[in-house]
């Protein structure tokens, strides 16, 4: 069985690194982290993806283009939105087949706890 993958999208390199390390420590998964648009488009097509973690403030579209893209192309691929406290929370999409987790930054542990609740990733036995 191939190990699944998680795509972490965040323009802040420090946040990408923290999220990557936390997910890698907690789950049996390969983490791909990027903040660059061309890379994101390629990564979203990877059939081994089991979860996408995205920072909504990374886009000018008002930040939900990843959600909209997944709804159209891969509606069963779960999305965790890591939301900056300065964003207008009323614009967040409702939970649906794709948008499953909403966590305010910088609560990295809550993000991982909510990901665990989804049940889409295998938890490391040493966790």
C-alpha atoms as a PDB file:
ATOM      1  CA  UNK A   1       0.000   0.000   0.000  1.00  0.00           C
ATOM      2  CA  UNK A   2       1.338   3.422  -0.961  1.00  0.00           C
ATOM      3  CA  UNK A   3       1.651   6.080   1.697  1.00  0.00           C
ATOM      4  CA  UNK A   4      -0.851   8.887   1.212  1.00  0.00           C
ATOM      5  CA  UNK A   5       0.145  12.509   0.843  1.00  0.00           C
ATOM      6  CA  UNK A   6      -0.871  15.793   2.434  1.00  0.00           C
ATOM      7  CA  UNK A   7      -0.441  19.069   0.577  1.00  0.00           C
ATOM      8  CA  UNK A   8       0.281  22.087   2.794  1.00  0.00           C
ATOM      9  CA  UNK A   9      -0.227  25.462   1.092  1.00  0.00           C
ATOM     10  CA  UNK A  10       0.999  28.558   2.908  1.00  0.00           C
ATOM     11  CA  UNK A  11       3.088  31.517   1.736  1.00  0.00           C
ATOM     12  CA  UNK A  12       4.715  31.782   5.168  1.00  0.00           C
ATOM     13  CA  UNK A  13       7.736  29.437   5.132  1.00  0.00           C
ATOM     14  CA  UNK A  14       7.812  29.203   8.944  1.00  0.00           C
ATOM     15  CA  UNK A  15       4.155  28.126   9.106  1.00  0.00           C
ATOM     16  CA  UNK A  16       4.732  25.598   6.300  1.00  0.00           C
ATOM     17  CA  UNK A  17       7.642  24.131   8.254  1.00  0.00           C
ATOM     18  CA  UNK A  18       5.705  23.929  11.548  1.00  0.00           C
ATOM     19  CA  UNK A  19       2.637  22.376   9.927  1.00  0.00           C
ATOM     20  CA  UNK A  20       4.801  19.909   7.999  1.00  0.00           C
ATOM     21  CA  UNK A  21       6.673  18.798  11.129  1.00  0.00           C
ATOM     22  CA  UNK A  22       3.511  18.452  13.231  1.00  0.00           C
ATOM     23  CA  UNK A  23       1.674  16.426  10.573  1.00  0.00           C
ATOM     24  CA  UNK A  24       4.753  14.286   9.909  1.00  0.00           C
ATOM     25  CA  UNK A  25       5.167  13.521  13.624  1.00  0.00           C
ATOM     26  CA  UNK A  26       1.508  12.649  14.118  1.00  0.00           C
ATOM     27  CA  UNK A  27       0.548  10.789  10.930  1.00  0.00           C
ATOM     28  CA  UNK A  28       1.908   8.116   8.584  1.00  0.00           C
ATOM     29  CA  UNK A  29       1.935  10.347   5.514  1.00  0.00           C
ATOM     30  CA  UNK A  30       4.199  12.174   3.091  1.00  0.00           C
ATOM     31  CA  UNK A  31       3.862  15.945   3.442  1.00  0.00           C
ATOM     32  CA  UNK A  32       4.354  18.225   0.460  1.00  0.00           C
ATOM     33  CA  UNK A  33       4.566  21.909   1.368  1.00  0.00           C
ATOM     34  CA  UNK A  34       4.509  24.824  -1.037  1.00  0.00           C
ATOM     35  CA  UNK A  35       3.646  28.468  -1.314  1.00  0.00           C
ATOM     36  CA  UNK A  36       4.099  28.758  -5.057  1.00  0.00           C
ATOM     37  CA  UNK A  37       1.090  28.802  -7.370  1.00  0.00           C
ATOM     38  CA  UNK A  38       2.425  26.637 -10.250  1.00  0.00           C
ATOM     39  CA  UNK A  39       3.476  23.959  -7.750  1.00  0.00           C
ATOM     40  CA  UNK A  40       0.049  24.014  -6.113  1.00  0.00           C
ATOM     41  CA  UNK A  41      -1.759  23.337  -9.369  1.00  0.00           C
ATOM     42  CA  UNK A  42       0.453  20.325 -10.112  1.00  0.00           C
ATOM     43  CA  UNK A  43       0.226  18.973  -6.570  1.00  0.00           C
ATOM     44  CA  UNK A  44      -3.577  19.174  -6.487  1.00  0.00           C
ATOM     45  CA  UNK A  45      -3.676  16.676  -9.361  1.00  0.00           C
ATOM     46  CA  UNK A  46      -1.703  14.028  -7.413  1.00  0.00           C
ATOM     47  CA  UNK A  47      -3.946  10.962  -7.040  1.00  0.00           C
ATOM     48  CA  UNK A  48      -2.232   9.994  -3.751  1.00  0.00           C
ATOM     49  CA  UNK A  49      -3.414  13.170  -1.996  1.00  0.00           C
ATOM     50  CA  UNK A  50      -5.537  12.411   1.044  1.00  0.00           C
ATOM     51  CA  UNK A  51      -5.780  15.928   2.484  1.00  0.00           C
ATOM     52  CA  UNK A  52      -5.076  19.559   1.574  1.00  0.00           C
ATOM     53  CA  UNK A  53      -4.240  22.129   4.264  1.00  0.00           C
ATOM     54  CA  UNK A  54      -4.543  25.652   2.912  1.00  0.00           C
ATOM     55  CA  UNK A  55      -4.068  29.160   4.248  1.00  0.00           C
ATOM     56  CA  UNK A  56      -6.974  31.221   2.940  1.00  0.00           C
ATOM     57  CA  UNK A  57      -5.069  34.494   2.860  1.00  0.00           C
ATOM     58  CA  UNK A  58      -2.665  33.179   0.222  1.00  0.00           C
ATOM     59  CA  UNK A  59      -4.921  34.036  -2.685  1.00  0.00           C
ATOM     60  CA  UNK A  60      -6.392  37.163  -4.166  1.00  0.00           C
ATOM     61  CA  UNK A  61      -9.572  35.281  -5.030  1.00  0.00           C
ATOM     62  CA  UNK A  62     -10.711  36.114  -1.920  1.00  0.00           C
ATOM     63  CA  UNK A  63      -8.690  33.235  -0.540  1.00  0.00           C
ATOM     64  CA  UNK A  64     -10.948  30.305  -1.326  1.00  0.00           C
ATOM     65  CA  UNK A  65      -9.756  29.345  -4.813  1.00  0.00           C
ATOM     66  CA  UNK A  66      -8.394  26.010  -3.546  1.00  0.00           C
ATOM     67  CA  UNK A  67     -11.810  25.199  -2.100  1.00  0.00           C
ATOM     68  CA  UNK A  68     -13.558  26.155  -5.332  1.00  0.00           C
ATOM     69  CA  UNK A  69     -11.036  24.212  -7.425  1.00  0.00           C
ATOM     70  CA  UNK A  70     -11.457  21.071  -5.316  1.00  0.00           C
ATOM     71  CA  UNK A  71     -15.255  21.309  -5.383  1.00  0.00           C
ATOM     72  CA  UNK A  72     -15.128  21.279  -9.184  1.00  0.00           C
ATOM     73  CA  UNK A  73     -12.350  18.740  -9.741  1.00  0.00           C
ATOM     74  CA  UNK A  74     -11.984  16.572  -6.608  1.00  0.00           C
ATOM     75  CA  UNK A  75     -15.012  17.084  -4.364  1.00  0.00           C
ATOM     76  CA  UNK A  76     -14.156  14.122  -2.106  1.00  0.00           C
ATOM     77  CA  UNK A  77     -10.653  15.349  -1.259  1.00  0.00           C
ATOM     78  CA  UNK A  78     -10.847  16.895   2.246  1.00  0.00           C
ATOM     79  CA  UNK A  79      -9.638  20.441   2.799  1.00  0.00           C
ATOM     80  CA  UNK A  80      -8.515  21.963   6.091  1.00  0.00           C
ATOM     81  CA  UNK A  81      -8.565  25.766   6.039  1.00  0.00           C
ATOM     82  CA  UNK A  82      -6.057  27.413   8.375  1.00  0.00           C
ATOM     83  CA  UNK A  83      -7.540  30.870   8.780  1.00  0.00           C
ATOM     84  CA  UNK A  84      -5.728  34.019   9.786  1.00  0.00           C
ATOM     85  CA  UNK A  85      -7.529  35.828  12.595  1.00  0.00           C
ATOM     86  CA  UNK A  86      -7.604  39.019  10.523  1.00  0.00           C
ATOM     87  CA  UNK A  87      -9.699  37.458   7.754  1.00  0.00           C
ATOM     88  CA  UNK A  88     -13.395  38.162   7.699  1.00  0.00           C
ATOM     89  CA  UNK A  89     -14.754  34.927   9.112  1.00  0.00           C
ATOM     90  CA  UNK A  90     -18.210  35.448   7.621  1.00  0.00           C
ATOM     91  CA  UNK A  91     -16.762  34.716   4.171  1.00  0.00           C
ATOM     92  CA  UNK A  92     -15.712  31.182   5.085  1.00  0.00           C
ATOM     93  CA  UNK A  93     -17.546  28.547   3.038  1.00  0.00           C
ATOM     94  CA  UNK A  94     -19.915  26.191   4.842  1.00  0.00           C
ATOM     95  CA  UNK A  95     -18.654  22.714   5.615  1.00  0.00           C
ATOM     96  CA  UNK A  96     -19.222  20.536   2.587  1.00  0.00           C
ATOM     97  CA  UNK A  97     -17.733  17.487   0.865  1.00  0.00           C
ATOM     98  CA  UNK A  98     -14.412  19.317   0.523  1.00  0.00           C
ATOM     99  CA  UNK A  99     -14.157  21.976   3.260  1.00  0.00           C
ATOM    100  CA  UNK A 100     -14.118  19.897   6.426  1.00  0.00           C
ATOM    101  CA  UNK A 101     -11.849  21.693   8.917  1.00  0.00           C
ATOM    102  CA  UNK A 102     -11.590  25.374   9.879  1.00  0.00           C
ATOM    103  CA  UNK A 103      -8.931  26.398  12.401  1.00  0.00           C
ATOM    104  CA  UNK A 104      -7.694  29.850  13.387  1.00  0.00           C
ATOM    105  CA  UNK A 105      -3.976  30.495  13.081  1.00  0.00           C
ATOM    106  CA  UNK A 106      -1.623  29.860  14.770  1.00  0.00           C
ATOM    107  CA  UNK A 107      -3.267  26.957  16.634  1.00  0.00           C
ATOM    108  CA  UNK A 108      -1.156  24.186  15.094  1.00  0.00           C
ATOM    109  CA  UNK A 109      -2.141  21.543  17.652  1.00  0.00           C
ATOM    110  CA  UNK A 110      -5.863  22.161  17.082  1.00  0.00           C
ATOM    111  CA  UNK A 111      -5.249  21.824  13.345  1.00  0.00           C
ATOM    112  CA  UNK A 112      -3.680  18.387  13.883  1.00  0.00           C
ATOM    113  CA  UNK A 113      -6.417  17.349  16.331  1.00  0.00           C
ATOM    114  CA  UNK A 114      -9.112  18.279  13.790  1.00  0.00           C
ATOM    115  CA  UNK A 115      -7.243  16.423  11.042  1.00  0.00           C
ATOM    116  CA  UNK A 116      -7.124  13.333  13.265  1.00  0.00           C
ATOM    117  CA  UNK A 117     -10.908  13.531  13.745  1.00  0.00           C
ATOM    118  CA  UNK A 118     -11.383  13.347   9.967  1.00  0.00           C
ATOM    119  CA  UNK A 119      -9.967   9.819   9.992  1.00  0.00           C
ATOM    120  CA  UNK A 120      -8.377  10.179   6.545  1.00  0.00           C
ATOM    121  CA  UNK A 121      -4.776   9.722   7.751  1.00  0.00           C
ATOM    122  CA  UNK A 122      -3.200   6.880   9.696  1.00  0.00           C
ATOM    123  CA  UNK A 123      -1.964   8.037  13.105  1.00  0.00           C
ATOM    124  CA  UNK A 124       1.623   7.057  13.943  1.00  0.00           C
ATOM    125  CA  UNK A 125       1.782   4.404  16.632  1.00  0.00           C
ATOM    126  CA  UNK A 126       4.364   6.460  18.552  1.00  0.00           C
ATOM    127  CA  UNK A 127       1.888   9.380  18.758  1.00  0.00           C
END
